[in-house]
Amino acid sequence: MIGKLSGRIDYRSDDHILLDVRGVGYMIYCSDRTLAALPSVGEAVAL
């Protein structure tokens, strides 16, 4: 199980984001509440 991912948001959709972590892209499905709290595309985030 993955406990934490830190990186830059490359893409944002209605139900998921694509997080770039040092060149590896992780597609992360999120609740509406979590998506609303995330920064914009291109910004750094830790989940």
PDB file of N, CA and C in Angstrom:
ATOM      1  N   MET A   1       0.841  -1.174   0.000  1.00  0.00           N
ATOM      2  CA  MET A   1       0.000   0.000   0.000  1.00  0.00           C
ATOM      3  C   MET A   1       0.891   1.244   0.000  1.00  0.00           C
ATOM      4  N   ILE A   2       0.470   2.246  -0.722  1.00  0.00           N
ATOM      5  CA  ILE A   2       1.200   3.515  -0.781  1.00  0.00           C
ATOM      6  C   ILE A   2       0.631   4.444   0.282  1.00  0.00           C
ATOM      7  N   GLY A   3       1.491   5.002   1.110  1.00  0.00           N
ATOM      8  CA  GLY A   3       1.051   5.868   2.198  1.00  0.00           C
ATOM      9  C   GLY A   3       1.038   7.339   1.862  1.00  0.00           C
ATOM     10  N   LYS A   4       1.910   7.766   0.925  1.00  0.00           N
ATOM     11  CA  LYS A   4       1.997   9.192   0.602  1.00  0.00           C
ATOM     12  C   LYS A   4       2.637   9.361  -0.768  1.00  0.00           C
ATOM     13  N   LEU A   5       2.119  10.330  -1.535  1.00  0.00           N
ATOM     14  CA  LEU A   5       2.714  10.712  -2.814  1.00  0.00           C
ATOM     15  C   LEU A   5       2.878  12.220  -2.829  1.00  0.00           C
ATOM     16  N   SER A   6       4.048  12.685  -3.245  1.00  0.00           N
ATOM     17  CA  SER A   6       4.313  14.117  -3.371  1.00  0.00           C
ATOM     18  C   SER A   6       4.793  14.391  -4.778  1.00  0.00           C
ATOM     19  N   GLY A   7       4.217  15.399  -5.405  1.00  0.00           N
ATOM     20  CA  GLY A   7       4.612  15.723  -6.765  1.00  0.00           C
ATOM     21  C   GLY A   7       3.849  16.910  -7.311  1.00  0.00           C
ATOM     22  N   ARG A   8       3.798  16.991  -8.652  1.00  0.00           N
ATOM     23  CA  ARG A   8       3.160  18.107  -9.352  1.00  0.00           C
ATOM     24  C   ARG A   8       1.946  17.581 -10.108  1.00  0.00           C
ATOM     25  N   ILE A   9       0.846  18.318 -10.034  1.00  0.00           N
ATOM     26  CA  ILE A   9      -0.369  17.926 -10.749  1.00  0.00           C
ATOM     27  C   ILE A   9      -0.189  18.243 -12.227  1.00  0.00           C
ATOM     28  N   ASP A  10      -0.248  17.202 -13.068  1.00  0.00           N
ATOM     29  CA  ASP A  10      -0.112  17.368 -14.518  1.00  0.00           C
ATOM     30  C   ASP A  10      -1.455  17.515 -15.211  1.00  0.00           C
ATOM     31  N   TYR A  11      -2.479  16.881 -14.665  1.00  0.00           N
ATOM     32  CA  TYR A  11      -3.796  16.854 -15.314  1.00  0.00           C
ATOM     33  C   TYR A  11      -4.855  16.728 -14.234  1.00  0.00           C
ATOM     34  N   ARG A  12      -5.992  17.333 -14.502  1.00  0.00           N
ATOM     35  CA  ARG A  12      -7.091  17.291 -13.540  1.00  0.00           C
ATOM     36  C   ARG A  12      -8.390  16.988 -14.277  1.00  0.00           C
ATOM     37  N   SER A  13      -9.170  16.051 -13.761  1.00  0.00           N
ATOM     38  CA  SER A  13     -10.446  15.658 -14.347  1.00  0.00           C
ATOM     39  C   SER A  13     -11.543  15.821 -13.300  1.00  0.00           C
ATOM     40  N   ASP A  14     -12.748  15.370 -13.626  1.00  0.00           N
ATOM     41  CA  ASP A  14     -13.869  15.470 -12.688  1.00  0.00           C
ATOM     42  C   ASP A  14     -13.737  14.525 -11.500  1.00  0.00           C
ATOM     43  N   ASP A  15     -12.992  13.429 -11.676  1.00  0.00           N
ATOM     44  CA  ASP A  15     -12.900  12.455 -10.592  1.00  0.00           C
ATOM     45  C   ASP A  15     -11.483  11.972 -10.289  1.00  0.00           C
ATOM     46  N   HIS A  16     -10.477  12.491 -10.994  1.00  0.00           N
ATOM     47  CA  HIS A  16      -9.101  12.061 -10.727  1.00  0.00           C
ATOM     48  C   HIS A  16      -8.095  13.129 -11.163  1.00  0.00           C
ATOM     49  N   ILE A  17      -6.863  12.931 -10.712  1.00  0.00           N
ATOM     50  CA  ILE A  17      -5.746  13.777 -11.150  1.00  0.00           C
ATOM     51  C   ILE A  17      -4.629  12.866 -11.646  1.00  0.00           C
ATOM     52  N   LEU A  18      -3.716  13.446 -12.406  1.00  0.00           N
ATOM     53  CA  LEU A  18      -2.491  12.763 -12.791  1.00  0.00           C
ATOM     54  C   LEU A  18      -1.368  13.477 -12.057  1.00  0.00           C
ATOM     55  N   LEU A  19      -0.709  12.765 -11.164  1.00  0.00           N
ATOM     56  CA  LEU A  19       0.348  13.332 -10.337  1.00  0.00           C
ATOM     57  C   LEU A  19       1.700  12.855 -10.845  1.00  0.00           C
ATOM     58  N   ASP A  20       2.577  13.790 -11.190  1.00  0.00           N
ATOM     59  CA  ASP A  20       3.932  13.466 -11.641  1.00  0.00           C
ATOM     60  C   ASP A  20       4.853  13.446 -10.429  1.00  0.00           C
ATOM     61  N   VAL A  21       5.402  12.272 -10.143  1.00  0.00           N
ATOM     62  CA  VAL A  21       6.337  12.101  -9.030  1.00  0.00           C
ATOM     63  C   VAL A  21       7.675  11.691  -9.622  1.00  0.00           C
ATOM     64  N   ARG A  22       8.546  12.672  -9.852  1.00  0.00           N
ATOM     65  CA  ARG A  22       9.881  12.444 -10.419  1.00  0.00           C
ATOM     66  C   ARG A  22       9.845  11.632 -11.710  1.00  0.00           C
ATOM     67  N   GLY A  23       8.921  12.000 -12.604  1.00  0.00           N
ATOM     68  CA  GLY A  23       8.846  11.351 -13.901  1.00  0.00           C
ATOM     69  C   GLY A  23       7.907  10.163 -13.998  1.00  0.00           C
ATOM     70  N   VAL A  24       7.358   9.730 -12.884  1.00  0.00           N
ATOM     71  CA  VAL A  24       6.387   8.636 -12.887  1.00  0.00           C
ATOM     72  C   VAL A  24       5.009   9.232 -12.641  1.00  0.00           C
ATOM     73  N   GLY A  25       4.053   8.931 -13.528  1.00  0.00           N
ATOM     74  CA  GLY A  25       2.707   9.478 -13.401  1.00  0.00           C
ATOM     75  C   GLY A  25       1.782   8.531 -12.660  1.00  0.00           C
ATOM     76  N   TYR A  26       1.105   9.052 -11.655  1.00  0.00           N
ATOM     77  CA  TYR A  26       0.129   8.279 -10.888  1.00  0.00           C
ATOM     78  C   TYR A  26      -1.250   8.872 -11.120  1.00  0.00           C
ATOM     79  N   MET A  27      -2.192   8.053 -11.596  1.00  0.00           N
ATOM     80  CA  MET A  27      -3.570   8.481 -11.739  1.00  0.00           C
ATOM     81  C   MET A  27      -4.246   8.215 -10.396  1.00  0.00           C
ATOM     82  N   ILE A  28      -4.718   9.273  -9.754  1.00  0.00           N
ATOM     83  CA  ILE A  28      -5.278   9.167  -8.412  1.00  0.00           C
ATOM     84  C   ILE A  28      -6.738   9.608  -8.443  1.00  0.00           C
ATOM     85  N   TYR A  29      -7.633   8.698  -8.110  1.00  0.00           N
ATOM     86  CA  TYR A  29      -9.056   9.021  -8.037  1.00  0.00           C
ATOM     87  C   TYR A  29      -9.346   9.643  -6.677  1.00  0.00           C
ATOM     88  N   CYS A  30     -10.103  10.749  -6.686  1.00  0.00           N
ATOM     89  CA  CYS A  30     -10.348  11.533  -5.476  1.00  0.00           C
ATOM     90  C   CYS A  30     -11.829  11.842  -5.318  1.00  0.00           C
ATOM     91  N   SER A  31     -12.237  12.069  -4.082  1.00  0.00           N
ATOM     92  CA  SER A  31     -13.604  12.521  -3.817  1.00  0.00           C
ATOM     93  C   SER A  31     -13.742  13.978  -4.263  1.00  0.00           C
ATOM     94  N   ASP A  32     -14.974  14.440  -4.404  1.00  0.00           N
ATOM     95  CA  ASP A  32     -15.221  15.837  -4.776  1.00  0.00           C
ATOM     96  C   ASP A  32     -14.610  16.789  -3.754  1.00  0.00           C
ATOM     97  N   ARG A  33     -14.694  16.428  -2.492  1.00  0.00           N
ATOM     98  CA  ARG A  33     -14.148  17.272  -1.419  1.00  0.00           C
ATOM     99  C   ARG A  33     -12.629  17.408  -1.541  1.00  0.00           C
ATOM    100  N   THR A  34     -11.953  16.301  -1.804  1.00  0.00           N
ATOM    101  CA  THR A  34     -10.498  16.331  -1.965  1.00  0.00           C
ATOM    102  C   THR A  34     -10.104  17.124  -3.199  1.00  0.00           C
ATOM    103  N   LEU A  35     -10.791  16.896  -4.317  1.00  0.00           N
ATOM    104  CA  LEU A  35     -10.488  17.633  -5.552  1.00  0.00           C
ATOM    105  C   LEU A  35     -10.645  19.138  -5.356  1.00  0.00           C
ATOM    106  N   ALA A  36     -11.660  19.547  -4.609  1.00  0.00           N
ATOM    107  CA  ALA A  36     -11.894  20.974  -4.369  1.00  0.00           C
ATOM    108  C   ALA A  36     -10.771  21.598  -3.544  1.00  0.00           C
ATOM    109  N   ALA A  37     -10.115  20.796  -2.710  1.00  0.00           N
ATOM    110  CA  ALA A  37      -9.054  21.310  -1.841  1.00  0.00           C
ATOM    111  C   ALA A  37      -7.682  21.318  -2.510  1.00  0.00           C
ATOM    112  N   LEU A  38      -7.548  20.670  -3.661  1.00  0.00           N
ATOM    113  CA  LEU A  38      -6.251  20.576  -4.333  1.00  0.00           C
ATOM    114  C   LEU A  38      -5.914  21.856  -5.091  1.00  0.00           C
ATOM    115  N   PRO A  39      -4.621  22.147  -5.236  1.00  0.00           N
ATOM    116  CA  PRO A  39      -4.207  23.320  -6.018  1.00  0.00           C
ATOM    117  C   PRO A  39      -4.397  23.080  -7.516  1.00  0.00           C
ATOM    118  N   SER A  40      -4.080  24.079  -8.300  1.00  0.00           N
ATOM    119  CA  SER A  40      -4.253  24.030  -9.755  1.00  0.00           C
ATOM    120  C   SER A  40      -3.207  23.140 -10.418  1.00  0.00           C
ATOM    121  N   VAL A  41      -3.443  22.842 -11.697  1.00  0.00           N
ATOM    122  CA  VAL A  41      -2.488  22.092 -12.513  1.00  0.00           C
ATOM    123  C   VAL A  41      -1.155  22.834 -12.528  1.00  0.00           C
ATOM    124  N   GLY A  42      -0.071  22.085 -12.370  1.00  0.00           N
ATOM    125  CA  GLY A  42       1.263  22.665 -12.350  1.00  0.00           C
ATOM    126  C   GLY A  42       1.788  22.948 -10.954  1.00  0.00           C
ATOM    127  N   GLU A  43       0.916  22.883  -9.966  1.00  0.00           N
ATOM    128  CA  GLU A  43       1.310  23.151  -8.579  1.00  0.00           C
ATOM    129  C   GLU A  43       1.727  21.861  -7.873  1.00  0.00           C
ATOM    130  N   ALA A  44       2.538  22.010  -6.838  1.00  0.00           N
ATOM    131  CA  ALA A  44       2.995  20.871  -6.038  1.00  0.00           C
ATOM    132  C   ALA A  44       1.945  20.517  -4.994  1.00  0.00           C
ATOM    133  N   VAL A  45       1.863  19.223  -4.694  1.00  0.00           N
ATOM    134  CA  VAL A  45       0.903  18.746  -3.702  1.00  0.00           C
ATOM    135  C   VAL A  45       1.424  17.454  -3.083  1.00  0.00           C
ATOM    136  N   ALA A  46       0.991  17.169  -1.871  1.00  0.00           N
ATOM    137  CA  ALA A  46       1.287  15.896  -1.203  1.00  0.00           C
ATOM    138  C   ALA A  46      -0.043  15.274  -0.799  1.00  0.00           C
ATOM    139  N   LEU A  47      -0.216  14.016  -1.163  1.00  0.00           N
ATOM    140  CA  LEU A  47      -1.446  13.287  -0.820  1.00  0.00           C
ATOM    141  C   LEU A  47      -1.096  12.049  -0.026  1.00  0.00           C
TER     142      LEU A  47
END
